[in-house]
């Protein structure tokens, strides 16, 4: 598999994870592999109710807290989904949500340079 095909496959498994676990997938998604890190950017993943809730500071905090907790609870399923595509040891997974742009960023760090595998 090429680097581009691998990035496309990551988008596919993350979209499936979001749909299966969170109830809906993003409207658009992009993944990039750089050295030992995979960046996944998702657009349009907030529901209409969450977008309305995000209009207040308290609502924004609530969405971030709930989304963070839900993602932490599903950490092993997310790892498994990523390892379907990249069978390397994941060191950490970070995520954050922007209620302003309705984006979610996920950063997955591996214990080795995975990008170099595509340059051989």
PDB file of N, CA and C in Angstrom:
ATOM      1  N   UNK A   1       0.847  -1.172   0.000  1.00  0.00           N
ATOM      2  CA  UNK A   1       0.000   0.000   0.000  1.00  0.00           C
ATOM      3  C   UNK A   1       0.903   1.250   0.000  1.00  0.00           C
ATOM      4  N   UNK A   2       0.539   2.261  -0.785  1.00  0.00           N
ATOM      5  CA  UNK A   2       1.293   3.512  -0.808  1.00  0.00           C
ATOM      6  C   UNK A   2       0.910   4.366   0.411  1.00  0.00           C
ATOM      7  N   UNK A   3       1.670   5.447   0.612  1.00  0.00           N
ATOM      8  CA  UNK A   3       1.357   6.350   1.715  1.00  0.00           C
ATOM      9  C   UNK A   3      -0.043   6.964   1.532  1.00  0.00           C
ATOM     10  N   UNK A   4      -0.358   7.368   0.311  1.00  0.00           N
ATOM     11  CA  UNK A   4      -1.666   7.952   0.033  1.00  0.00           C
ATOM     12  C   UNK A   4      -2.806   6.954   0.257  1.00  0.00           C
ATOM     13  N   UNK A   5      -2.580   5.714  -0.151  1.00  0.00           N
ATOM     14  CA  UNK A   5      -3.601   4.685   0.063  1.00  0.00           C
ATOM     15  C   UNK A   5      -3.781   4.414   1.559  1.00  0.00           C
ATOM     16  N   UNK A   6      -2.677   4.433   2.296  1.00  0.00           N
ATOM     17  CA  UNK A   6      -2.741   4.211   3.738  1.00  0.00           C
ATOM     18  C   UNK A   6      -3.499   5.353   4.415  1.00  0.00           C
ATOM     19  N   UNK A   7      -3.219   6.589   4.000  1.00  0.00           N
ATOM     20  CA  UNK A   7      -3.939   7.742   4.567  1.00  0.00           C
ATOM     21  C   UNK A   7      -5.436   7.648   4.241  1.00  0.00           C
ATOM     22  N   UNK A   8      -5.771   7.215   3.042  1.00  0.00           N
ATOM     23  CA  UNK A   8      -7.184   7.048   2.664  1.00  0.00           C
ATOM     24  C   UNK A   8      -7.834   5.954   3.503  1.00  0.00           C
ATOM     25  N   UNK A   9      -7.109   4.880   3.746  1.00  0.00           N
ATOM     26  CA  UNK A   9      -7.646   3.775   4.558  1.00  0.00           C
ATOM     27  C   UNK A   9      -7.856   4.231   6.011  1.00  0.00           C
ATOM     28  N   UNK A  10      -6.931   5.062   6.521  1.00  0.00           N
ATOM     29  CA  UNK A  10      -7.104   5.617   7.872  1.00  0.00           C
ATOM     30  C   UNK A  10      -8.395   6.429   7.928  1.00  0.00           C
ATOM     31  N   UNK A  11      -8.640   7.260   6.926  1.00  0.00           N
ATOM     32  CA  UNK A  11      -9.883   8.043   6.873  1.00  0.00           C
ATOM     33  C   UNK A  11     -11.101   7.124   6.907  1.00  0.00           C
ATOM     34  N   UNK A  12     -11.015   6.042   6.166  1.00  0.00           N
ATOM     35  CA  UNK A  12     -12.125   5.088   6.102  1.00  0.00           C
ATOM     36  C   UNK A  12     -12.404   4.456   7.472  1.00  0.00           C
ATOM     37  N   UNK A  13     -11.355   3.975   8.164  1.00  0.00           N
ATOM     38  CA  UNK A  13     -11.589   3.297   9.451  1.00  0.00           C
ATOM     39  C   UNK A  13     -11.998   4.295  10.539  1.00  0.00           C
ATOM     40  N   UNK A  14     -11.468   5.523  10.485  1.00  0.00           N
ATOM     41  CA  UNK A  14     -11.855   6.524  11.486  1.00  0.00           C
ATOM     42  C   UNK A  14     -13.311   6.956  11.256  1.00  0.00           C
ATOM     43  N   UNK A  15     -13.710   7.119  10.011  1.00  0.00           N
ATOM     44  CA  UNK A  15     -15.108   7.454   9.706  1.00  0.00           C
ATOM     45  C   UNK A  15     -16.039   6.350  10.199  1.00  0.00           C
ATOM     46  N   UNK A  16     -15.645   5.107   9.966  1.00  0.00           N
ATOM     47  CA  UNK A  16     -16.447   3.964  10.440  1.00  0.00           C
ATOM     48  C   UNK A  16     -16.505   3.950  11.972  1.00  0.00           C
ATOM     49  N   UNK A  17     -15.367   4.206  12.626  1.00  0.00           N
ATOM     50  CA  UNK A  17     -15.325   4.266  14.089  1.00  0.00           C
ATOM     51  C   UNK A  17     -16.282   5.339  14.597  1.00  0.00           C
ATOM     52  N   UNK A  18     -16.205   6.540  14.010  1.00  0.00           N
ATOM     53  CA  UNK A  18     -17.066   7.646  14.450  1.00  0.00           C
ATOM     54  C   UNK A  18     -18.543   7.302  14.259  1.00  0.00           C
ATOM     55  N   UNK A  19     -18.868   6.701  13.117  1.00  0.00           N
ATOM     56  CA  UNK A  19     -20.266   6.340  12.847  1.00  0.00           C
ATOM     57  C   UNK A  19     -20.745   5.255  13.799  1.00  0.00           C
ATOM     58  N   UNK A  20     -19.916   4.236  13.999  1.00  0.00           N
ATOM     59  CA  UNK A  20     -20.319   3.111  14.852  1.00  0.00           C
ATOM     60  C   UNK A  20     -20.360   3.498  16.328  1.00  0.00           C
ATOM     61  N   UNK A  21     -19.372   4.280  16.785  1.00  0.00           N
ATOM     62  CA  UNK A  21     -19.282   4.563  18.209  1.00  0.00           C
ATOM     63  C   UNK A  21     -19.985   5.856  18.605  1.00  0.00           C
ATOM     64  N   UNK A  22     -19.824   6.911  17.795  1.00  0.00           N
ATOM     65  CA  UNK A  22     -20.385   8.208  18.165  1.00  0.00           C
ATOM     66  C   UNK A  22     -21.754   8.459  17.519  1.00  0.00           C
ATOM     67  N   UNK A  23     -22.153   7.585  16.621  1.00  0.00           N
ATOM     68  CA  UNK A  23     -23.481   7.712  16.040  1.00  0.00           C
ATOM     69  C   UNK A  23     -23.524   8.377  14.679  1.00  0.00           C
ATOM     70  N   UNK A  24     -22.445   9.029  14.308  1.00  0.00           N
ATOM     71  CA  UNK A  24     -22.374   9.620  12.971  1.00  0.00           C
ATOM     72  C   UNK A  24     -20.921   9.935  12.640  1.00  0.00           C
ATOM     73  N   UNK A  25     -20.631   9.880  11.373  1.00  0.00           N
ATOM     74  CA  UNK A  25     -19.278  10.179  10.917  1.00  0.00           C
ATOM     75  C   UNK A  25     -19.154  11.629  10.512  1.00  0.00           C
ATOM     76  N   UNK A  26     -17.923  12.072  10.237  1.00  0.00           N
ATOM     77  CA  UNK A  26     -17.725  13.460   9.813  1.00  0.00           C
ATOM     78  C   UNK A  26     -18.204  13.666   8.375  1.00  0.00           C
ATOM     79  N   UNK A  27     -18.461  14.919   8.032  1.00  0.00           N
ATOM     80  CA  UNK A  27     -18.838  15.231   6.639  1.00  0.00           C
ATOM     81  C   UNK A  27     -17.621  15.138   5.725  1.00  0.00           C
ATOM     82  N   UNK A  28     -16.474  15.467   6.275  1.00  0.00           N
ATOM     83  CA  UNK A  28     -15.225  15.428   5.501  1.00  0.00           C
ATOM     84  C   UNK A  28     -14.102  15.021   6.449  1.00  0.00           C
ATOM     85  N   UNK A  29     -13.119  14.311   5.927  1.00  0.00           N
ATOM     86  CA  UNK A  29     -12.017  13.843   6.767  1.00  0.00           C
ATOM     87  C   UNK A  29     -10.740  13.807   5.943  1.00  0.00           C
ATOM     88  N   UNK A  30      -9.628  14.034   6.616  1.00  0.00           N
ATOM     89  CA  UNK A  30      -8.326  13.978   5.955  1.00  0.00           C
ATOM     90  C   UNK A  30      -7.323  13.398   6.954  1.00  0.00           C
ATOM     91  N   UNK A  31      -6.403  12.600   6.487  1.00  0.00           N
ATOM     92  CA  UNK A  31      -5.358  12.032   7.340  1.00  0.00           C
ATOM     93  C   UNK A  31      -4.002  12.247   6.677  1.00  0.00           C
ATOM     94  N   UNK A  32      -3.007  12.542   7.483  1.00  0.00           N
ATOM     95  CA  UNK A  32      -1.643  12.736   6.992  1.00  0.00           C
ATOM     96  C   UNK A  32      -0.681  11.986   7.899  1.00  0.00           C
ATOM     97  N   UNK A  33       0.260  11.317   7.269  1.00  0.00           N
ATOM     98  CA  UNK A  33       1.314  10.616   7.997  1.00  0.00           C
ATOM     99  C   UNK A  33       2.574  11.458   7.889  1.00  0.00           C
ATOM    100  N   UNK A  34       3.185  11.739   9.060  1.00  0.00           N
ATOM    101  CA  UNK A  34       4.429  12.494   9.083  1.00  0.00           C
ATOM    102  C   UNK A  34       5.339  11.909  10.163  1.00  0.00           C
ATOM    103  N   UNK A  35       6.448  11.348   9.732  1.00  0.00           N
ATOM    104  CA  UNK A  35       7.399  10.697  10.646  1.00  0.00           C
ATOM    105  C   UNK A  35       6.694   9.617  11.482  1.00  0.00           C
ATOM    106  N   UNK A  36       6.643   9.821  12.801  1.00  0.00           N
ATOM    107  CA  UNK A  36       6.024   8.826  13.682  1.00  0.00           C
ATOM    108  C   UNK A  36       4.620   9.224  14.126  1.00  0.00           C
ATOM    109  N   UNK A  37       3.990  10.149  13.385  1.00  0.00           N
ATOM    110  CA  UNK A  37       2.695  10.704  13.787  1.00  0.00           C
ATOM    111  C   UNK A  37       1.684  10.608  12.638  1.00  0.00           C
ATOM    112  N   UNK A  38       0.446  10.339  13.009  1.00  0.00           N
ATOM    113  CA  UNK A  38      -0.674  10.423  12.066  1.00  0.00           C
ATOM    114  C   UNK A  38      -1.605  11.518  12.566  1.00  0.00           C
ATOM    115  N   UNK A  39      -1.915  12.462  11.685  1.00  0.00           N
ATOM    116  CA  UNK A  39      -2.869  13.534  11.988  1.00  0.00           C
ATOM    117  C   UNK A  39      -4.172  13.225  11.260  1.00  0.00           C
ATOM    118  N   UNK A  40      -5.273  13.269  11.995  1.00  0.00           N
ATOM    119  CA  UNK A  40      -6.590  13.063  11.392  1.00  0.00           C
ATOM    120  C   UNK A  40      -7.425  14.293  11.687  1.00  0.00           C
ATOM    121  N   UNK A  41      -7.911  14.921  10.625  1.00  0.00           N
ATOM    122  CA  UNK A  41      -8.740  16.124  10.775  1.00  0.00           C
ATOM    123  C   UNK A  41     -10.133  15.828  10.237  1.00  0.00           C
ATOM    124  N   UNK A  42     -11.125  16.095  11.074  1.00  0.00           N
ATOM    125  CA  UNK A  42     -12.509  15.814  10.694  1.00  0.00           C
ATOM    126  C   UNK A  42     -13.313  17.112  10.720  1.00  0.00           C
ATOM    127  N   UNK A  43     -14.112  17.312   9.699  1.00  0.00           N
ATOM    128  CA  UNK A  43     -14.976  18.483   9.617  1.00  0.00           C
ATOM    129  C   UNK A  43     -16.431  18.046   9.696  1.00  0.00           C
ATOM    130  N   UNK A  44     -17.244  18.899  10.319  1.00  0.00           N
ATOM    131  CA  UNK A  44     -18.699  18.660  10.321  1.00  0.00           C
ATOM    132  C   UNK A  44     -19.112  17.450  11.123  1.00  0.00           C
ATOM    133  N   UNK A  45     -18.517  17.256  12.266  1.00  0.00           N
ATOM    134  CA  UNK A  45     -18.884  16.073  13.051  1.00  0.00           C
ATOM    135  C   UNK A  45     -19.875  16.386  14.170  1.00  0.00           C
ATOM    136  N   UNK A  46     -20.113  17.685  14.436  1.00  0.00           N
ATOM    137  CA  UNK A  46     -21.083  18.037  15.475  1.00  0.00           C
ATOM    138  C   UNK A  46     -22.505  17.885  14.951  1.00  0.00           C
ATOM    139  N   UNK A  47     -23.398  17.428  15.827  1.00  0.00           N
ATOM    140  CA  UNK A  47     -24.810  17.341  15.442  1.00  0.00           C
ATOM    141  C   UNK A  47     -25.405  18.749  15.438  1.00  0.00           C
ATOM    142  N   UNK A  48     -26.581  18.896  14.867  1.00  0.00           N
ATOM    143  CA  UNK A  48     -27.260  20.199  14.857  1.00  0.00           C
ATOM    144  C   UNK A  48     -27.537  20.662  16.294  1.00  0.00           C
ATOM    145  N   UNK A  49     -27.900  19.742  17.158  1.00  0.00           N
ATOM    146  CA  UNK A  49     -28.165  20.083  18.565  1.00  0.00           C
ATOM    147  C   UNK A  49     -26.881  20.566  19.246  1.00  0.00           C
ATOM    148  N   UNK A  50     -25.749  19.911  18.962  1.00  0.00           N
ATOM    149  CA  UNK A  50     -24.477  20.330  19.558  1.00  0.00           C
ATOM    150  C   UNK A  50     -24.066  21.713  19.043  1.00  0.00           C
ATOM    151  N   UNK A  51     -24.311  21.988  17.767  1.00  0.00           N
ATOM    152  CA  UNK A  51     -23.974  23.303  17.213  1.00  0.00           C
ATOM    153  C   UNK A  51     -24.780  24.391  17.901  1.00  0.00           C
ATOM    154  N   UNK A  52     -26.036  24.097  18.189  1.00  0.00           N
ATOM    155  CA  UNK A  52     -26.877  25.052  18.907  1.00  0.00           C
ATOM    156  C   UNK A  52     -26.383  25.233  20.335  1.00  0.00           C
ATOM    157  N   UNK A  53     -26.025  24.138  20.974  1.00  0.00           N
ATOM    158  CA  UNK A  53     -25.505  24.165  22.344  1.00  0.00           C
ATOM    159  C   UNK A  53     -24.186  24.942  22.406  1.00  0.00           C
ATOM    160  N   UNK A  54     -23.395  24.868  21.351  1.00  0.00           N
ATOM    161  CA  UNK A  54     -22.081  25.518  21.314  1.00  0.00           C
ATOM    162  C   UNK A  54     -22.162  27.041  21.233  1.00  0.00           C
ATOM    163  N   UNK A  55     -23.352  27.578  21.130  1.00  0.00           N
ATOM    164  CA  UNK A  55     -23.497  29.033  21.051  1.00  0.00           C
ATOM    165  C   UNK A  55     -23.250  29.715  22.386  1.00  0.00           C
ATOM    166  N   UNK A  56     -23.197  28.929  23.469  1.00  0.00           N
ATOM    167  CA  UNK A  56     -22.906  29.503  24.786  1.00  0.00           C
ATOM    168  C   UNK A  56     -21.598  28.910  25.312  1.00  0.00           C
ATOM    169  N   UNK A  57     -20.960  29.646  26.222  1.00  0.00           N
ATOM    170  CA  UNK A  57     -19.706  29.187  26.816  1.00  0.00           C
ATOM    171  C   UNK A  57     -19.908  27.878  27.576  1.00  0.00           C
ATOM    172  N   UNK A  58     -20.978  27.826  28.362  1.00  0.00           N
ATOM    173  CA  UNK A  58     -21.266  26.592  29.112  1.00  0.00           C
ATOM    174  C   UNK A  58     -21.519  25.419  28.162  1.00  0.00           C
ATOM    175  N   UNK A  59     -22.214  25.695  27.078  1.00  0.00           N
ATOM    176  CA  UNK A  59     -22.489  24.642  26.097  1.00  0.00           C
ATOM    177  C   UNK A  59     -21.221  24.129  25.446  1.00  0.00           C
ATOM    178  N   UNK A  60     -20.321  25.048  25.124  1.00  0.00           N
ATOM    179  CA  UNK A  60     -19.043  24.665  24.531  1.00  0.00           C
ATOM    180  C   UNK A  60     -18.257  23.776  25.474  1.00  0.00           C
ATOM    181  N   UNK A  61     -18.193  24.184  26.739  1.00  0.00           N
ATOM    182  CA  UNK A  61     -17.468  23.377  27.728  1.00  0.00           C
ATOM    183  C   UNK A  61     -18.088  21.992  27.879  1.00  0.00           C
ATOM    184  N   UNK A  62     -19.403  21.940  27.878  1.00  0.00           N
ATOM    185  CA  UNK A  62     -20.102  20.666  28.017  1.00  0.00           C
ATOM    186  C   UNK A  62     -19.798  19.739  26.830  1.00  0.00           C
ATOM    187  N   UNK A  63     -19.855  20.268  25.621  1.00  0.00           N
ATOM    188  CA  UNK A  63     -19.567  19.462  24.426  1.00  0.00           C
ATOM    189  C   UNK A  63     -18.142  18.932  24.475  1.00  0.00           C
ATOM    190  N   UNK A  64     -17.194  19.805  24.800  1.00  0.00           N
ATOM    191  CA  UNK A  64     -15.790  19.379  24.862  1.00  0.00           C
ATOM    192  C   UNK A  64     -15.594  18.289  25.915  1.00  0.00           C
ATOM    193  N   UNK A  65     -16.231  18.460  27.061  1.00  0.00           N
ATOM    194  CA  UNK A  65     -16.099  17.486  28.146  1.00  0.00           C
ATOM    195  C   UNK A  65     -16.715  16.139  27.749  1.00  0.00           C
ATOM    196  N   UNK A  66     -17.904  16.166  27.203  1.00  0.00           N
ATOM    197  CA  UNK A  66     -18.577  14.918  26.812  1.00  0.00           C
ATOM    198  C   UNK A  66     -17.818  14.223  25.688  1.00  0.00           C
ATOM    199  N   UNK A  67     -17.445  14.977  24.659  1.00  0.00           N
ATOM    200  CA  UNK A  67     -16.717  14.382  23.532  1.00  0.00           C
ATOM    201  C   UNK A  67     -15.388  13.787  23.979  1.00  0.00           C
ATOM    202  N   UNK A  68     -14.713  14.486  24.884  1.00  0.00           N
ATOM    203  CA  UNK A  68     -13.442  13.992  25.391  1.00  0.00           C
ATOM    204  C   UNK A  68     -13.632  12.685  26.166  1.00  0.00           C
ATOM    205  N   UNK A  69     -14.626  12.661  27.030  1.00  0.00           N
ATOM    206  CA  UNK A  69     -14.904  11.443  27.817  1.00  0.00           C
ATOM    207  C   UNK A  69     -15.305  10.280  26.918  1.00  0.00           C
ATOM    208  N   UNK A  70     -16.159  10.537  25.945  1.00  0.00           N
ATOM    209  CA  UNK A  70     -16.583   9.470  25.037  1.00  0.00           C
ATOM    210  C   UNK A  70     -15.401   8.916  24.261  1.00  0.00           C
ATOM    211  N   UNK A  71     -14.523   9.811  23.814  1.00  0.00           N
ATOM    212  CA  UNK A  71     -13.349   9.366  23.049  1.00  0.00           C
ATOM    213  C   UNK A  71     -12.401   8.557  23.941  1.00  0.00           C
ATOM    214  N   UNK A  72     -12.224   9.008  25.181  1.00  0.00           N
ATOM    215  CA  UNK A  72     -11.370   8.258  26.119  1.00  0.00           C
ATOM    216  C   UNK A  72     -11.930   6.866  26.378  1.00  0.00           C
ATOM    217  N   UNK A  73     -13.233   6.759  26.504  1.00  0.00           N
ATOM    218  CA  UNK A  73     -13.881   5.463  26.736  1.00  0.00           C
ATOM    219  C   UNK A  73     -13.684   4.520  25.557  1.00  0.00           C
ATOM    220  N   UNK A  74     -13.569   5.081  24.371  1.00  0.00           N
ATOM    221  CA  UNK A  74     -13.430   4.269  23.159  1.00  0.00           C
ATOM    222  C   UNK A  74     -11.982   4.168  22.696  1.00  0.00           C
ATOM    223  N   UNK A  75     -11.058   4.495  23.565  1.00  0.00           N
ATOM    224  CA  UNK A  75      -9.645   4.516  23.190  1.00  0.00           C
ATOM    225  C   UNK A  75      -9.175   3.187  22.604  1.00  0.00           C
ATOM    226  N   UNK A  76      -9.545   2.082  23.222  1.00  0.00           N
ATOM    227  CA  UNK A  76      -9.070   0.788  22.720  1.00  0.00           C
ATOM    228  C   UNK A  76      -9.665   0.468  21.345  1.00  0.00           C
ATOM    229  N   UNK A  77     -10.927   0.830  21.109  1.00  0.00           N
ATOM    230  CA  UNK A  77     -11.532   0.599  19.793  1.00  0.00           C
ATOM    231  C   UNK A  77     -10.859   1.472  18.733  1.00  0.00           C
ATOM    232  N   UNK A  78     -10.520   2.711  19.114  1.00  0.00           N
ATOM    233  CA  UNK A  78      -9.857   3.599  18.157  1.00  0.00           C
ATOM    234  C   UNK A  78      -8.466   3.058  17.816  1.00  0.00           C
ATOM    235  N   UNK A  79      -7.729   2.624  18.855  1.00  0.00           N
ATOM    236  CA  UNK A  79      -6.403   2.027  18.613  1.00  0.00           C
ATOM    237  C   UNK A  79      -6.501   0.832  17.666  1.00  0.00           C
ATOM    238  N   UNK A  80      -7.497  -0.007  17.924  1.00  0.00           N
ATOM    239  CA  UNK A  80      -7.687  -1.190  17.099  1.00  0.00           C
ATOM    240  C   UNK A  80      -7.963  -0.791  15.643  1.00  0.00           C
ATOM    241  N   UNK A  81      -8.779   0.227  15.446  1.00  0.00           N
ATOM    242  CA  UNK A  81      -9.093   0.690  14.089  1.00  0.00           C
ATOM    243  C   UNK A  81      -7.834   1.187  13.381  1.00  0.00           C
ATOM    244  N   UNK A  82      -7.021   1.965  14.082  1.00  0.00           N
ATOM    245  CA  UNK A  82      -5.780   2.469  13.472  1.00  0.00           C
ATOM    246  C   UNK A  82      -4.808   1.321  13.209  1.00  0.00           C
ATOM    247  N   UNK A  83      -4.721   0.383  14.145  1.00  0.00           N
ATOM    248  CA  UNK A  83      -3.802  -0.748  13.970  1.00  0.00           C
ATOM    249  C   UNK A  83      -4.240  -1.695  12.851  1.00  0.00           C
ATOM    250  N   UNK A  84      -5.501  -1.630  12.439  1.00  0.00           N
ATOM    251  CA  UNK A  84      -5.933  -2.387  11.252  1.00  0.00           C
ATOM    252  C   UNK A  84      -5.163  -1.909  10.025  1.00  0.00           C
ATOM    253  N   UNK A  85      -4.839  -0.637  10.007  1.00  0.00           N
ATOM    254  CA  UNK A  85      -4.174  -0.025   8.851  1.00  0.00           C
ATOM    255  C   UNK A  85      -2.665   0.030   9.059  1.00  0.00           C
ATOM    256  N   UNK A  86      -2.247   0.422  10.250  1.00  0.00           N
ATOM    257  CA  UNK A  86      -0.817   0.549  10.573  1.00  0.00           C
ATOM    258  C   UNK A  86      -0.535  -0.339  11.786  1.00  0.00           C
ATOM    259  N   UNK A  87      -0.016  -1.527  11.547  1.00  0.00           N
ATOM    260  CA  UNK A  87       0.222  -2.452  12.664  1.00  0.00           C
ATOM    261  C   UNK A  87       1.526  -2.153  13.408  1.00  0.00           C
ATOM    262  N   UNK A  88       1.615  -0.968  13.998  1.00  0.00           N
ATOM    263  CA  UNK A  88       2.779  -0.565  14.790  1.00  0.00           C
ATOM    264  C   UNK A  88       2.286  -0.153  16.175  1.00  0.00           C
ATOM    265  N   UNK A  89       3.218  -0.077  17.120  1.00  0.00           N
ATOM    266  CA  UNK A  89       2.862   0.241  18.497  1.00  0.00           C
ATOM    267  C   UNK A  89       2.496   1.717  18.655  1.00  0.00           C
ATOM    268  N   UNK A  90       1.276   1.981  19.096  1.00  0.00           N
ATOM    269  CA  UNK A  90       0.811   3.344  19.342  1.00  0.00           C
ATOM    270  C   UNK A  90       1.229   3.749  20.748  1.00  0.00           C
ATOM    271  N   UNK A  91       1.914   4.891  20.844  1.00  0.00           N
ATOM    272  CA  UNK A  91       2.346   5.408  22.146  1.00  0.00           C
ATOM    273  C   UNK A  91       1.240   6.226  22.798  1.00  0.00           C
ATOM    274  N   UNK A  92       0.645   7.135  22.012  1.00  0.00           N
ATOM    275  CA  UNK A  92      -0.400   7.987  22.583  1.00  0.00           C
ATOM    276  C   UNK A  92      -1.364   8.471  21.516  1.00  0.00           C
ATOM    277  N   UNK A  93      -2.533   8.872  21.991  1.00  0.00           N
ATOM    278  CA  UNK A  93      -3.565   9.436  21.120  1.00  0.00           C
ATOM    279  C   UNK A  93      -4.077  10.704  21.792  1.00  0.00           C
ATOM    280  N   UNK A  94      -4.020  11.804  21.062  1.00  0.00           N
ATOM    281  CA  UNK A  94      -4.526  13.086  21.554  1.00  0.00           C
ATOM    282  C   UNK A  94      -5.672  13.518  20.646  1.00  0.00           C
ATOM    283  N   UNK A  95      -6.663  14.181  21.236  1.00  0.00           N
ATOM    284  CA  UNK A  95      -7.740  14.712  20.396  1.00  0.00           C
ATOM    285  C   UNK A  95      -8.272  16.005  20.996  1.00  0.00           C
ATOM    286  N   UNK A  96      -8.794  16.838  20.125  1.00  0.00           N
ATOM    287  CA  UNK A  96      -9.455  18.060  20.576  1.00  0.00           C
ATOM    288  C   UNK A  96     -10.552  18.407  19.585  1.00  0.00           C
ATOM    289  N   UNK A  97     -11.514  19.133  20.098  1.00  0.00           N
ATOM    290  CA  UNK A  97     -12.685  19.510  19.334  1.00  0.00           C
ATOM    291  C   UNK A  97     -12.766  21.023  19.283  1.00  0.00           C
ATOM    292  N   UNK A  98     -13.067  21.563  18.109  1.00  0.00           N
ATOM    293  CA  UNK A  98     -13.354  22.995  17.994  1.00  0.00           C
ATOM    294  C   UNK A  98     -14.849  23.147  17.762  1.00  0.00           C
ATOM    295  N   UNK A  99     -15.506  23.802  18.703  1.00  0.00           N
ATOM    296  CA  UNK A  99     -16.938  24.042  18.529  1.00  0.00           C
ATOM    297  C   UNK A  99     -17.178  25.241  17.618  1.00  0.00           C
ATOM    298  N   UNK A 100     -16.131  26.014  17.351  1.00  0.00           N
ATOM    299  CA  UNK A 100     -16.255  27.170  16.450  1.00  0.00           C
ATOM    300  C   UNK A 100     -16.294  26.710  15.004  1.00  0.00           C
ATOM    301  N   UNK A 101     -15.403  25.788  14.649  1.00  0.00           N
ATOM    302  CA  UNK A 101     -15.330  25.313  13.261  1.00  0.00           C
ATOM    303  C   UNK A 101     -15.942  23.929  13.088  1.00  0.00           C
ATOM    304  N   UNK A 102     -16.426  23.330  14.165  1.00  0.00           N
ATOM    305  CA  UNK A 102     -16.989  21.972  14.143  1.00  0.00           C
ATOM    306  C   UNK A 102     -15.971  20.961  13.619  1.00  0.00           C
ATOM    307  N   UNK A 103     -14.706  21.153  14.054  1.00  0.00           N
ATOM    308  CA  UNK A 103     -13.634  20.255  13.644  1.00  0.00           C
ATOM    309  C   UNK A 103     -13.167  19.410  14.825  1.00  0.00           C
ATOM    310  N   UNK A 104     -12.635  18.268  14.508  1.00  0.00           N
ATOM    311  CA  UNK A 104     -11.990  17.416  15.499  1.00  0.00           C
ATOM    312  C   UNK A 104     -10.627  17.042  14.937  1.00  0.00           C
ATOM    313  N   UNK A 105      -9.619  17.205  15.757  1.00  0.00           N
ATOM    314  CA  UNK A 105      -8.259  16.832  15.383  1.00  0.00           C
ATOM    315  C   UNK A 105      -7.830  15.670  16.278  1.00  0.00           C
ATOM    316  N   UNK A 106      -7.289  14.633  15.661  1.00  0.00           N
ATOM    317  CA  UNK A 106      -6.749  13.502  16.405  1.00  0.00           C
ATOM    318  C   UNK A 106      -5.294  13.324  15.985  1.00  0.00           C
ATOM    319  N   UNK A 107      -4.428  13.199  16.962  1.00  0.00           N
ATOM    320  CA  UNK A 107      -3.000  12.976  16.704  1.00  0.00           C
ATOM    321  C   UNK A 107      -2.619  11.634  17.325  1.00  0.00           C
ATOM    322  N   UNK A 108      -2.113  10.744  16.495  1.00  0.00           N
ATOM    323  CA  UNK A 108      -1.706   9.412  16.946  1.00  0.00           C
ATOM    324  C   UNK A 108      -0.184   9.313  16.815  1.00  0.00           C
ATOM    325  N   UNK A 109       0.474   8.982  17.926  1.00  0.00           N
ATOM    326  CA  UNK A 109       1.935   8.896  17.938  1.00  0.00           C
ATOM    327  C   UNK A 109       2.362   7.429  18.063  1.00  0.00           C
ATOM    328  N   UNK A 110       3.302   7.026  17.203  1.00  0.00           N
ATOM    329  CA  UNK A 110       3.810   5.652  17.200  1.00  0.00           C
ATOM    330  C   UNK A 110       5.215   5.613  17.788  1.00  0.00           C
ATOM    331  N   UNK A 111       5.683   4.418  18.112  1.00  0.00           N
ATOM    332  CA  UNK A 111       7.021   4.277  18.682  1.00  0.00           C
ATOM    333  C   UNK A 111       8.111   4.153  17.621  1.00  0.00           C
ATOM    334  N   UNK A 112       7.745   4.337  16.354  1.00  0.00           N
ATOM    335  CA  UNK A 112       8.716   4.279  15.270  1.00  0.00           C
ATOM    336  C   UNK A 112       8.273   5.208  14.139  1.00  0.00           C
ATOM    337  N   UNK A 113       9.205   5.520  13.266  1.00  0.00           N
ATOM    338  CA  UNK A 113       8.894   6.348  12.104  1.00  0.00           C
ATOM    339  C   UNK A 113       8.137   5.481  11.099  1.00  0.00           C
ATOM    340  N   UNK A 114       6.863   5.708  10.958  1.00  0.00           N
ATOM    341  CA  UNK A 114       6.062   4.897  10.032  1.00  0.00           C
ATOM    342  C   UNK A 114       6.126   5.452   8.610  1.00  0.00           C
ATOM    343  N   UNK A 115       6.433   6.727   8.474  1.00  0.00           N
ATOM    344  CA  UNK A 115       6.497   7.325   7.139  1.00  0.00           C
ATOM    345  C   UNK A 115       7.645   6.742   6.324  1.00  0.00           C
ATOM    346  N   UNK A 116       8.733   6.404   6.986  1.00  0.00           N
ATOM    347  CA  UNK A 116       9.907   5.892   6.286  1.00  0.00           C
ATOM    348  C   UNK A 116       9.605   4.569   5.582  1.00  0.00           C
ATOM    349  N   UNK A 117       8.605   3.841   6.050  1.00  0.00           N
ATOM    350  CA  UNK A 117       8.232   2.560   5.438  1.00  0.00           C
ATOM    351  C   UNK A 117       7.743   2.744   4.000  1.00  0.00           C
ATOM    352  N   UNK A 118       7.242   3.949   3.689  1.00  0.00           N
ATOM    353  CA  UNK A 118       6.714   4.200   2.355  1.00  0.00           C
ATOM    354  C   UNK A 118       7.788   4.697   1.395  1.00  0.00           C
ATOM    355  N   UNK A 119       8.953   5.026   1.916  1.00  0.00           N
ATOM    356  CA  UNK A 119      10.023   5.551   1.074  1.00  0.00           C
ATOM    357  C   UNK A 119      10.961   4.467   0.571  1.00  0.00           C
ATOM    358  N   UNK A 120      10.695   3.221   0.943  1.00  0.00           N
ATOM    359  CA  UNK A 120      11.584   2.117   0.528  1.00  0.00           C
ATOM    360  C   UNK A 120      11.257   1.657  -0.866  1.00  0.00           C
TER     361      UNK A 120
END
